[in-house]
């Protein structure tokens, strides 16, 4: 399977919920990343997002991911711990370019309820929107071939508050979010981002 070289130019929309999860409840990083999680009074910020990558970018596909914040040499980075896509090109490119541990799944992200078979289901409730567009900029940190690999994300999106009612399969890979209520949900619509270097 072929995939685009970096950077990937991607367009679409994302609904991301953020929790503060007790550090003791989190599973170990699946790639053995040594960067310690960012702790706030013993809790770690964790985000889970439903994403639709739409025409206009280099790939179109659906995605469900979970990420946490870590400390890397005095800086805060995000690291993806679980992620599913419905595109082999996205899976292979994510793994081989940046060490993102993508797996395949049957996903519905364009309508509510959103779902990923055997993992989670969620009902989106839209809230108030904000004028204009907000800049997006972050650095991901993964493990690629046994070494830390950073990848930049930059772009912009329209921002809207929202609410997502999550139903997480307790025995599934996101079971540590089951029964917990997110602090906030944000919808990033019409996002236009560049992922990776180049």
N, C-alpha and C. Protein backbone atom coordinates (compact mmCIF):
# COMPACT_ATOMS: atom_id res chain seq x y z
N UNK A 1 0.84 -1.19 0.00
CA UNK A 1 0.00 0.00 0.00
C UNK A 1 0.88 1.24 0.00
N UNK A 2 0.61 2.17 -0.91
CA UNK A 2 1.37 3.41 -0.96
C UNK A 2 0.66 4.48 -0.13
N UNK A 3 1.42 5.49 0.28
CA UNK A 3 0.87 6.59 1.06
C UNK A 3 1.67 7.84 0.71
N UNK A 4 1.09 9.04 0.96
CA UNK A 4 1.81 10.27 0.62
C UNK A 4 3.04 10.46 1.49
N UNK A 5 4.05 11.12 0.94
CA UNK A 5 5.18 11.54 1.75
C UNK A 5 4.80 12.72 2.62
N UNK A 6 5.61 12.96 3.66
CA UNK A 6 5.29 14.10 4.52
C UNK A 6 5.78 15.41 3.91
N UNK A 7 5.12 16.51 4.27
CA UNK A 7 4.00 16.59 5.21
C UNK A 7 2.68 16.21 4.55
N UNK A 8 1.73 15.75 5.39
CA UNK A 8 0.39 15.48 4.90
C UNK A 8 -0.45 16.74 5.07
N UNK A 9 -1.09 17.18 4.01
CA UNK A 9 -2.05 18.28 4.08
C UNK A 9 -3.43 17.66 4.23
N UNK A 10 -4.10 17.96 5.34
CA UNK A 10 -5.36 17.29 5.68
C UNK A 10 -6.43 18.32 5.99
N UNK A 11 -7.66 18.01 5.59
CA UNK A 11 -8.81 18.87 5.87
C UNK A 11 -9.93 18.03 6.45
N UNK A 12 -10.76 18.66 7.29
CA UNK A 12 -11.89 17.93 7.84
C UNK A 12 -12.43 18.53 9.10
N UNK A 13 -12.91 17.65 9.99
CA UNK A 13 -13.48 18.09 11.27
C UNK A 13 -13.17 17.08 12.36
N UNK A 14 -13.14 17.60 13.58
CA UNK A 14 -12.76 16.78 14.73
C UNK A 14 -13.62 17.16 15.93
N UNK A 15 -14.00 16.15 16.70
CA UNK A 15 -14.69 16.36 17.97
C UNK A 15 -13.82 15.72 19.05
N UNK A 16 -13.26 16.54 19.92
CA UNK A 16 -12.31 16.04 20.92
C UNK A 16 -12.82 16.33 22.33
N UNK A 17 -12.82 15.30 23.15
CA UNK A 17 -13.17 15.42 24.56
C UNK A 17 -11.91 15.26 25.40
N UNK A 18 -11.87 16.00 26.52
CA UNK A 18 -10.69 15.99 27.39
C UNK A 18 -11.10 15.57 28.80
N UNK A 19 -10.35 14.61 29.34
CA UNK A 19 -10.53 14.12 30.70
C UNK A 19 -9.28 14.42 31.53
N UNK A 20 -9.42 14.42 32.84
CA UNK A 20 -8.29 14.32 33.75
C UNK A 20 -8.40 12.94 34.41
N UNK A 21 -7.52 12.04 34.02
CA UNK A 21 -7.59 10.64 34.46
C UNK A 21 -6.53 10.39 35.52
N UNK A 22 -6.89 9.73 36.65
CA UNK A 22 -5.85 9.40 37.65
C UNK A 22 -4.69 8.66 36.99
N UNK A 23 -3.49 9.09 37.30
CA UNK A 23 -2.31 8.49 36.66
C UNK A 23 -2.27 6.98 36.88
N UNK A 24 -2.69 6.53 38.04
CA UNK A 24 -2.65 5.10 38.35
C UNK A 24 -3.62 4.29 37.49
N UNK A 25 -4.62 4.96 36.90
CA UNK A 25 -5.61 4.24 36.09
C UNK A 25 -5.18 4.10 34.64
N UNK A 26 -4.12 4.81 34.23
CA UNK A 26 -3.71 4.77 32.84
C UNK A 26 -2.83 3.55 32.55
N UNK A 27 -3.05 2.89 31.43
CA UNK A 27 -2.12 1.82 31.04
C UNK A 27 -0.78 2.41 30.64
N UNK A 28 0.25 1.58 30.66
CA UNK A 28 1.57 2.03 30.22
C UNK A 28 1.52 2.44 28.76
N UNK A 29 2.41 3.32 28.38
CA UNK A 29 2.46 3.74 26.97
C UNK A 29 2.76 2.51 26.11
N UNK A 30 1.96 2.25 25.08
CA UNK A 30 2.11 1.01 24.32
C UNK A 30 3.44 0.89 23.58
N UNK A 31 4.11 2.02 23.34
CA UNK A 31 5.39 1.99 22.64
C UNK A 31 6.58 2.08 23.59
N UNK A 32 6.32 2.14 24.89
CA UNK A 32 7.41 2.27 25.85
C UNK A 32 8.07 3.63 25.85
N UNK A 33 7.33 4.68 25.46
CA UNK A 33 7.88 6.03 25.46
C UNK A 33 8.31 6.41 26.87
N UNK A 34 9.55 6.89 26.98
CA UNK A 34 10.12 7.19 28.30
C UNK A 34 9.65 8.52 28.87
N UNK A 35 9.14 9.42 28.04
CA UNK A 35 8.70 10.73 28.53
C UNK A 35 7.56 10.55 29.54
N UNK A 36 7.70 11.10 30.75
CA UNK A 36 6.67 10.89 31.78
C UNK A 36 5.41 11.70 31.48
N UNK A 37 4.25 11.19 31.88
CA UNK A 37 3.01 11.94 31.65
C UNK A 37 2.98 13.23 32.47
N UNK A 38 2.36 14.24 31.90
CA UNK A 38 2.13 15.49 32.63
C UNK A 38 1.07 15.23 33.69
N UNK A 39 1.37 15.55 34.94
CA UNK A 39 0.42 15.30 36.03
C UNK A 39 -0.08 16.62 36.61
N UNK A 40 -1.36 16.67 36.86
CA UNK A 40 -1.99 17.80 37.52
C UNK A 40 -2.69 17.26 38.76
N UNK A 41 -2.06 17.44 39.91
CA UNK A 41 -2.58 16.88 41.16
C UNK A 41 -2.87 15.38 41.01
N UNK A 42 -1.92 14.67 40.42
CA UNK A 42 -2.04 13.22 40.30
C UNK A 42 -2.87 12.74 39.13
N UNK A 43 -3.36 13.66 38.31
CA UNK A 43 -4.18 13.29 37.16
C UNK A 43 -3.51 13.72 35.86
N UNK A 44 -3.79 12.99 34.79
CA UNK A 44 -3.13 13.22 33.50
C UNK A 44 -4.18 13.67 32.48
N UNK A 45 -3.94 14.79 31.78
CA UNK A 45 -4.87 15.18 30.72
C UNK A 45 -4.85 14.15 29.57
N UNK A 46 -6.03 13.66 29.23
CA UNK A 46 -6.19 12.69 28.15
C UNK A 46 -7.28 13.20 27.22
N UNK A 47 -6.99 13.20 25.93
CA UNK A 47 -7.99 13.58 24.95
C UNK A 47 -8.35 12.41 24.06
N UNK A 48 -9.62 12.31 23.71
CA UNK A 48 -10.06 11.30 22.74
C UNK A 48 -10.87 12.01 21.68
N UNK A 49 -10.61 11.69 20.43
CA UNK A 49 -11.19 12.46 19.33
C UNK A 49 -11.74 11.57 18.22
N UNK A 50 -12.87 12.00 17.67
CA UNK A 50 -13.45 11.44 16.45
C UNK A 50 -13.10 12.40 15.32
N UNK A 51 -12.53 11.91 14.25
CA UNK A 51 -12.04 12.77 13.19
C UNK A 51 -12.53 12.26 11.83
N UNK A 52 -12.96 13.21 10.99
CA UNK A 52 -13.27 12.92 9.59
C UNK A 52 -12.31 13.74 8.73
N UNK A 53 -11.47 13.06 7.96
CA UNK A 53 -10.60 13.73 7.00
C UNK A 53 -11.32 13.73 5.66
N UNK A 54 -11.54 14.93 5.13
CA UNK A 54 -12.46 15.10 4.01
C UNK A 54 -11.73 15.47 2.73
N UNK A 55 -12.43 15.44 1.59
CA UNK A 55 -11.79 15.80 0.31
C UNK A 55 -11.15 17.19 0.38
N UNK A 56 -10.05 17.31 -0.34
CA UNK A 56 -9.26 18.54 -0.32
C UNK A 56 -7.90 18.33 0.28
N UNK A 57 -7.76 17.26 1.08
CA UNK A 57 -6.47 16.87 1.62
C UNK A 57 -5.89 15.71 0.83
N UNK A 58 -4.71 15.25 1.26
CA UNK A 58 -4.05 14.17 0.52
C UNK A 58 -4.69 12.81 0.75
N UNK A 59 -5.45 12.65 1.84
CA UNK A 59 -6.17 11.41 2.11
C UNK A 59 -7.53 11.74 2.68
N UNK A 60 -8.51 10.86 2.44
CA UNK A 60 -9.82 10.95 3.08
C UNK A 60 -10.03 9.66 3.86
N UNK A 61 -10.36 9.79 5.14
CA UNK A 61 -10.59 8.62 5.98
C UNK A 61 -11.20 9.06 7.30
N UNK A 62 -11.52 8.09 8.15
CA UNK A 62 -12.09 8.35 9.47
C UNK A 62 -11.11 7.85 10.52
N UNK A 63 -11.25 8.42 11.74
CA UNK A 63 -10.25 8.11 12.77
C UNK A 63 -10.87 8.27 14.17
N UNK A 64 -10.46 7.42 15.07
CA UNK A 64 -10.71 7.57 16.50
C UNK A 64 -9.36 7.43 17.18
N UNK A 65 -9.04 8.39 18.07
CA UNK A 65 -7.74 8.32 18.73
C UNK A 65 -7.85 8.73 20.18
N UNK A 66 -6.86 8.31 20.96
CA UNK A 66 -6.69 8.77 22.33
C UNK A 66 -5.24 9.21 22.49
N UNK A 67 -5.05 10.34 23.16
CA UNK A 67 -3.70 10.88 23.35
C UNK A 67 -3.59 11.45 24.75
N UNK A 68 -2.38 11.53 25.24
CA UNK A 68 -2.13 12.14 26.55
C UNK A 68 -0.98 13.12 26.44
N UNK A 69 -0.85 13.99 27.44
CA UNK A 69 0.24 14.94 27.46
C UNK A 69 1.42 14.36 28.24
N UNK A 70 2.63 14.62 27.75
CA UNK A 70 3.85 14.15 28.40
C UNK A 70 4.84 15.31 28.50
N UNK A 71 5.83 15.13 29.37
CA UNK A 71 6.90 16.11 29.53
C UNK A 71 8.15 15.59 28.81
N UNK A 72 8.69 16.42 27.92
CA UNK A 72 9.85 16.03 27.14
C UNK A 72 10.89 17.13 27.22
N UNK A 73 11.90 16.93 28.05
CA UNK A 73 12.99 17.89 28.21
C UNK A 73 12.48 19.30 28.48
N UNK A 74 11.55 19.39 29.41
CA UNK A 74 11.02 20.68 29.82
C UNK A 74 9.88 21.21 28.99
N UNK A 75 9.50 20.49 27.94
CA UNK A 75 8.40 20.93 27.10
C UNK A 75 7.25 19.93 27.17
N UNK A 76 6.05 20.45 26.94
CA UNK A 76 4.87 19.59 26.95
C UNK A 76 4.58 19.16 25.51
N UNK A 77 4.45 17.84 25.32
CA UNK A 77 4.12 17.26 24.03
C UNK A 77 2.86 16.41 24.17
N UNK A 78 2.26 16.09 23.05
CA UNK A 78 1.17 15.11 23.03
C UNK A 78 1.71 13.81 22.46
N UNK A 79 1.19 12.70 22.96
CA UNK A 79 1.56 11.40 22.40
C UNK A 79 0.30 10.57 22.21
N UNK A 80 0.18 9.97 21.05
CA UNK A 80 -0.99 9.14 20.75
C UNK A 80 -0.74 7.73 21.28
N UNK A 81 -1.68 7.25 22.08
CA UNK A 81 -1.52 5.92 22.68
C UNK A 81 -2.40 4.86 22.02
N UNK A 82 -3.58 5.26 21.56
CA UNK A 82 -4.46 4.34 20.84
C UNK A 82 -5.04 5.10 19.65
N UNK A 83 -5.12 4.43 18.51
CA UNK A 83 -5.67 5.09 17.32
C UNK A 83 -6.13 4.05 16.31
N UNK A 84 -7.31 4.34 15.72
CA UNK A 84 -7.88 3.46 14.71
C UNK A 84 -8.29 4.30 13.50
N UNK A 85 -8.07 3.77 12.32
CA UNK A 85 -8.46 4.42 11.07
C UNK A 85 -9.13 3.39 10.18
N UNK A 86 -9.79 3.89 9.12
CA UNK A 86 -10.41 2.96 8.17
C UNK A 86 -9.72 3.02 6.81
N UNK A 87 -8.44 3.37 6.82
CA UNK A 87 -7.66 3.50 5.60
C UNK A 87 -6.32 2.81 5.77
N UNK A 88 -6.02 1.88 4.89
CA UNK A 88 -4.73 1.20 4.95
C UNK A 88 -3.59 2.17 4.66
N UNK A 89 -3.80 3.12 3.75
CA UNK A 89 -2.75 4.09 3.45
C UNK A 89 -2.42 4.94 4.67
N UNK A 90 -3.47 5.37 5.40
CA UNK A 90 -3.24 6.14 6.61
C UNK A 90 -2.54 5.30 7.68
N UNK A 91 -2.99 4.06 7.84
CA UNK A 91 -2.36 3.18 8.83
C UNK A 91 -0.88 3.00 8.53
N UNK A 92 -0.57 2.64 7.29
CA UNK A 92 0.82 2.34 6.94
C UNK A 92 1.69 3.60 7.00
N UNK A 93 1.17 4.71 6.47
CA UNK A 93 1.95 5.94 6.51
C UNK A 93 2.17 6.44 7.93
N UNK A 94 1.14 6.38 8.76
CA UNK A 94 1.29 6.82 10.14
C UNK A 94 2.33 6.01 10.90
N UNK A 95 2.31 4.71 10.69
CA UNK A 95 3.27 3.84 11.37
C UNK A 95 4.70 4.06 10.86
N UNK A 96 4.85 4.15 9.55
CA UNK A 96 6.19 4.14 8.97
C UNK A 96 6.85 5.52 8.96
N UNK A 97 6.07 6.59 8.88
CA UNK A 97 6.65 7.93 8.87
C UNK A 97 6.90 8.47 10.26
N UNK A 98 5.95 8.23 11.19
CA UNK A 98 6.03 8.89 12.50
C UNK A 98 5.91 7.95 13.70
N UNK A 99 5.73 6.67 13.48
CA UNK A 99 5.60 5.76 14.61
C UNK A 99 4.26 5.86 15.31
N UNK A 100 3.24 6.35 14.63
CA UNK A 100 1.90 6.43 15.23
C UNK A 100 1.26 5.05 15.14
N UNK A 101 0.85 4.46 16.27
CA UNK A 101 0.43 3.04 16.29
C UNK A 101 -0.98 2.81 15.77
N UNK A 102 -1.21 3.10 14.48
CA UNK A 102 -2.55 3.01 13.91
C UNK A 102 -2.95 1.56 13.64
N UNK A 103 -4.21 1.27 13.95
CA UNK A 103 -4.82 0.00 13.60
C UNK A 103 -6.08 0.28 12.79
N UNK A 104 -6.61 -0.75 12.13
CA UNK A 104 -7.82 -0.59 11.33
C UNK A 104 -9.06 -0.90 12.17
N UNK A 105 -10.15 -0.19 11.86
CA UNK A 105 -11.43 -0.44 12.52
C UNK A 105 -12.55 0.07 11.62
N UNK A 106 -13.77 -0.44 11.87
CA UNK A 106 -14.96 0.09 11.20
C UNK A 106 -15.42 1.31 11.97
N UNK A 107 -15.43 2.47 11.31
CA UNK A 107 -15.71 3.73 11.98
C UNK A 107 -16.85 4.49 11.32
N UNK A 108 -17.64 5.16 12.15
CA UNK A 108 -18.64 6.12 11.70
C UNK A 108 -18.36 7.41 12.45
N UNK A 109 -17.99 8.47 11.73
CA UNK A 109 -17.67 9.75 12.37
C UNK A 109 -18.44 10.93 11.79
N UNK A 110 -19.12 10.73 10.66
CA UNK A 110 -19.79 11.85 10.00
C UNK A 110 -21.16 12.15 10.57
N UNK A 111 -21.73 11.25 11.35
CA UNK A 111 -23.07 11.45 11.89
C UNK A 111 -23.09 10.99 13.34
N UNK A 112 -24.11 11.41 14.06
CA UNK A 112 -24.26 11.01 15.45
C UNK A 112 -25.39 9.98 15.54
N UNK A 113 -25.18 8.84 16.21
CA UNK A 113 -24.00 8.50 17.01
C UNK A 113 -22.79 8.12 16.16
N UNK A 114 -21.62 8.54 16.66
CA UNK A 114 -20.35 8.10 16.09
C UNK A 114 -20.00 6.76 16.72
N UNK A 115 -19.27 5.91 15.99
CA UNK A 115 -19.01 4.59 16.55
C UNK A 115 -17.73 3.99 15.99
N UNK A 116 -17.13 3.15 16.80
CA UNK A 116 -16.00 2.31 16.41
C UNK A 116 -16.27 0.95 17.00
N UNK A 117 -16.48 -0.04 16.14
CA UNK A 117 -16.91 -1.35 16.59
C UNK A 117 -16.05 -1.96 17.68
N UNK A 118 -16.68 -2.34 18.81
CA UNK A 118 -15.98 -2.99 19.90
C UNK A 118 -15.11 -2.07 20.74
N UNK A 119 -15.15 -0.74 20.46
CA UNK A 119 -14.27 0.19 21.18
C UNK A 119 -15.09 1.26 21.91
N UNK A 120 -15.90 2.01 21.15
CA UNK A 120 -16.65 3.10 21.76
C UNK A 120 -17.77 3.55 20.83
N UNK A 121 -18.70 4.28 21.43
CA UNK A 121 -19.81 4.90 20.72
C UNK A 121 -20.03 6.25 21.38
N UNK A 122 -20.50 7.24 20.62
CA UNK A 122 -20.66 8.57 21.20
C UNK A 122 -21.74 9.35 20.47
N UNK A 123 -22.50 10.12 21.24
CA UNK A 123 -23.53 11.00 20.71
C UNK A 123 -23.06 12.43 20.87
N UNK A 124 -23.04 13.17 19.77
CA UNK A 124 -22.56 14.55 19.77
C UNK A 124 -23.73 15.51 19.95
N UNK A 125 -23.51 16.49 20.85
CA UNK A 125 -24.47 17.57 21.04
C UNK A 125 -23.71 18.88 20.83
N UNK A 126 -24.12 19.63 19.83
CA UNK A 126 -23.38 20.84 19.46
C UNK A 126 -23.70 21.99 20.41
N UNK A 127 -22.68 22.82 20.65
CA UNK A 127 -22.84 23.99 21.50
C UNK A 127 -22.52 25.26 20.73
N UNK A 128 -22.20 26.30 21.48
CA UNK A 128 -21.99 27.62 20.90
C UNK A 128 -20.69 27.66 20.09
N UNK A 129 -20.72 28.40 19.00
CA UNK A 129 -19.53 28.57 18.18
C UNK A 129 -18.84 29.89 18.47
N UNK A 130 -17.58 30.00 18.07
CA UNK A 130 -16.80 31.21 18.27
C UNK A 130 -16.50 31.83 16.91
N UNK A 131 -16.40 33.15 16.83
CA UNK A 131 -16.15 33.79 15.53
C UNK A 131 -14.72 33.55 15.05
N UNK A 132 -14.56 33.58 13.73
CA UNK A 132 -13.23 33.47 13.15
C UNK A 132 -12.66 32.07 13.23
N UNK A 133 -11.34 31.99 13.06
CA UNK A 133 -10.62 30.73 13.10
C UNK A 133 -9.50 30.82 14.13
N UNK A 134 -9.18 29.68 14.73
CA UNK A 134 -8.11 29.65 15.73
C UNK A 134 -6.90 28.92 15.13
N UNK A 135 -5.69 29.36 15.48
CA UNK A 135 -4.50 28.66 15.00
C UNK A 135 -4.34 27.33 15.73
N UNK A 136 -3.82 26.34 15.05
CA UNK A 136 -3.54 25.03 15.63
C UNK A 136 -2.04 24.77 15.50
N UNK A 137 -1.41 24.45 16.61
CA UNK A 137 0.02 24.14 16.56
C UNK A 137 0.36 23.24 17.75
N UNK A 138 0.92 22.09 17.48
CA UNK A 138 1.37 21.20 18.54
C UNK A 138 2.46 20.28 18.00
N UNK A 139 3.12 19.60 18.94
CA UNK A 139 4.15 18.62 18.58
C UNK A 139 3.76 17.28 19.17
N UNK A 140 3.76 16.27 18.33
CA UNK A 140 3.55 14.90 18.78
C UNK A 140 4.90 14.24 19.05
N UNK A 141 4.90 13.30 19.98
CA UNK A 141 6.10 12.53 20.29
C UNK A 141 5.73 11.06 20.32
N UNK A 142 6.33 10.28 19.44
CA UNK A 142 6.09 8.84 19.35
C UNK A 142 7.43 8.12 19.37
N UNK A 143 7.38 6.80 19.24
CA UNK A 143 8.60 6.00 19.10
C UNK A 143 8.63 5.42 17.70
N UNK A 144 9.74 5.66 16.99
CA UNK A 144 9.93 5.14 15.64
C UNK A 144 11.26 4.42 15.59
N UNK A 145 11.23 3.12 15.30
CA UNK A 145 12.44 2.30 15.24
C UNK A 145 13.24 2.39 16.55
N UNK A 146 12.52 2.40 17.67
CA UNK A 146 13.17 2.38 18.98
C UNK A 146 13.68 3.72 19.46
N UNK A 147 13.40 4.80 18.73
CA UNK A 147 13.89 6.12 19.14
C UNK A 147 12.72 7.11 19.13
N UNK A 148 12.77 8.15 19.99
CA UNK A 148 11.70 9.16 19.97
C UNK A 148 11.66 9.88 18.63
N UNK A 149 10.45 10.12 18.17
CA UNK A 149 10.24 10.81 16.90
C UNK A 149 9.20 11.90 17.11
N UNK A 150 9.57 13.14 16.80
CA UNK A 150 8.65 14.27 16.93
C UNK A 150 8.03 14.58 15.58
N UNK A 151 6.79 15.02 15.59
CA UNK A 151 6.08 15.42 14.38
C UNK A 151 5.27 16.66 14.69
N UNK A 152 5.38 17.67 13.83
CA UNK A 152 4.65 18.91 14.04
C UNK A 152 3.30 18.91 13.35
N UNK A 153 2.34 19.61 13.97
CA UNK A 153 1.03 19.82 13.39
C UNK A 153 0.77 21.32 13.41
N UNK A 154 0.38 21.89 12.28
CA UNK A 154 0.12 23.32 12.22
C UNK A 154 -1.01 23.58 11.25
N UNK A 155 -1.85 24.57 11.57
CA UNK A 155 -2.97 24.91 10.71
C UNK A 155 -3.95 25.79 11.43
N UNK A 156 -5.23 25.68 11.06
CA UNK A 156 -6.27 26.49 11.69
C UNK A 156 -7.61 25.79 11.55
N UNK A 157 -8.58 26.25 12.36
CA UNK A 157 -9.92 25.66 12.34
C UNK A 157 -10.91 26.63 12.95
N UNK A 158 -12.19 26.44 12.62
CA UNK A 158 -13.27 27.10 13.35
C UNK A 158 -13.54 26.29 14.61
N UNK A 159 -13.89 26.98 15.70
CA UNK A 159 -14.01 26.34 17.01
C UNK A 159 -15.43 26.46 17.55
N UNK A 160 -15.90 25.35 18.11
CA UNK A 160 -17.23 25.33 18.70
C UNK A 160 -17.20 24.49 19.97
N UNK A 161 -17.85 24.96 21.03
CA UNK A 161 -18.04 24.13 22.21
C UNK A 161 -19.07 23.06 21.90
N UNK A 162 -18.98 21.96 22.60
CA UNK A 162 -19.95 20.90 22.40
C UNK A 162 -19.99 19.96 23.59
N UNK A 163 -20.67 18.87 23.38
CA UNK A 163 -20.75 17.82 24.39
C UNK A 163 -20.83 16.49 23.67
N UNK A 164 -20.08 15.54 24.14
CA UNK A 164 -20.15 14.19 23.59
C UNK A 164 -20.46 13.22 24.73
N UNK A 165 -21.55 12.50 24.58
CA UNK A 165 -21.91 11.45 25.54
C UNK A 165 -21.23 10.16 25.09
N UNK A 166 -20.21 9.75 25.83
CA UNK A 166 -19.40 8.59 25.47
C UNK A 166 -19.95 7.31 26.09
N UNK A 167 -19.93 6.24 25.32
CA UNK A 167 -20.16 4.89 25.82
C UNK A 167 -18.94 4.07 25.42
N UNK A 168 -18.08 3.81 26.38
CA UNK A 168 -16.83 3.11 26.12
C UNK A 168 -16.98 1.65 26.53
N UNK A 169 -16.54 0.74 25.69
CA UNK A 169 -16.55 -0.68 26.04
C UNK A 169 -15.54 -0.90 27.16
N UNK A 170 -16.01 -1.28 28.35
CA UNK A 170 -15.16 -1.37 29.53
C UNK A 170 -14.02 -2.37 29.36
N UNK A 171 -14.26 -3.45 28.59
CA UNK A 171 -13.22 -4.46 28.38
C UNK A 171 -12.35 -4.12 27.18
N UNK A 172 -12.63 -2.99 26.52
CA UNK A 172 -11.90 -2.63 25.31
C UNK A 172 -10.66 -1.81 25.59
N UNK A 173 -9.96 -1.39 24.55
CA UNK A 173 -8.69 -0.68 24.72
C UNK A 173 -8.82 0.71 25.31
N UNK A 174 -10.02 1.30 25.30
CA UNK A 174 -10.24 2.60 25.95
C UNK A 174 -11.01 2.44 27.26
N UNK A 175 -10.96 1.25 27.81
CA UNK A 175 -11.72 0.97 29.03
C UNK A 175 -11.40 1.91 30.18
N UNK A 176 -10.19 2.47 30.21
CA UNK A 176 -9.81 3.36 31.31
C UNK A 176 -10.59 4.68 31.28
N UNK A 177 -11.30 4.96 30.17
CA UNK A 177 -12.17 6.14 30.11
C UNK A 177 -13.62 5.81 30.48
N UNK A 178 -13.93 4.54 30.58
CA UNK A 178 -15.30 4.12 30.86
C UNK A 178 -15.81 4.65 32.19
N UNK A 179 -17.03 5.18 32.19
CA UNK A 179 -17.63 5.69 33.42
C UNK A 179 -17.13 7.05 33.85
N UNK A 180 -16.25 7.65 33.10
CA UNK A 180 -15.72 8.97 33.44
C UNK A 180 -16.37 10.02 32.55
N UNK A 181 -16.58 11.20 33.10
CA UNK A 181 -17.18 12.30 32.35
C UNK A 181 -16.10 13.27 31.90
N UNK A 182 -16.04 13.60 30.61
CA UNK A 182 -15.02 14.56 30.16
C UNK A 182 -15.27 15.95 30.72
N UNK A 183 -14.18 16.69 30.88
CA UNK A 183 -14.28 18.06 31.36
C UNK A 183 -14.87 18.98 30.31
N UNK A 184 -14.47 18.77 29.06
CA UNK A 184 -14.88 19.67 27.99
C UNK A 184 -14.82 18.92 26.66
N UNK A 185 -15.65 19.34 25.73
CA UNK A 185 -15.60 18.83 24.36
C UNK A 185 -15.55 20.01 23.41
N UNK A 186 -14.64 19.96 22.46
CA UNK A 186 -14.50 20.99 21.45
C UNK A 186 -14.66 20.38 20.07
N UNK A 187 -15.33 21.10 19.19
CA UNK A 187 -15.44 20.70 17.79
C UNK A 187 -14.59 21.65 16.96
N UNK A 188 -13.69 21.08 16.17
CA UNK A 188 -12.86 21.85 15.25
C UNK A 188 -13.38 21.57 13.85
N UNK A 189 -14.04 22.54 13.26
CA UNK A 189 -14.69 22.32 11.96
C UNK A 189 -13.90 23.05 10.88
N UNK A 190 -13.95 22.50 9.70
CA UNK A 190 -13.24 23.09 8.58
C UNK A 190 -11.76 23.23 8.84
N UNK A 191 -11.18 22.24 9.57
CA UNK A 191 -9.76 22.40 9.85
C UNK A 191 -8.93 22.17 8.59
N UNK A 192 -7.81 22.86 8.57
CA UNK A 192 -6.86 22.80 7.44
C UNK A 192 -5.48 22.73 8.06
N UNK A 193 -4.85 21.54 8.04
CA UNK A 193 -3.61 21.35 8.77
C UNK A 193 -2.55 20.70 7.90
N UNK A 194 -1.31 20.91 8.31
CA UNK A 194 -0.15 20.24 7.74
C UNK A 194 0.45 19.40 8.86
N UNK A 195 0.68 18.12 8.55
CA UNK A 195 1.18 17.18 9.54
C UNK A 195 2.52 16.64 9.10
N UNK A 196 3.53 16.81 9.96
CA UNK A 196 4.87 16.34 9.64
C UNK A 196 5.75 17.46 9.14
N UNK A 197 6.95 17.12 8.73
CA UNK A 197 7.91 18.12 8.30
C UNK A 197 8.02 18.17 6.79
N UNK A 198 8.62 19.25 6.29
CA UNK A 198 8.79 19.38 4.86
C UNK A 198 8.19 20.67 4.36
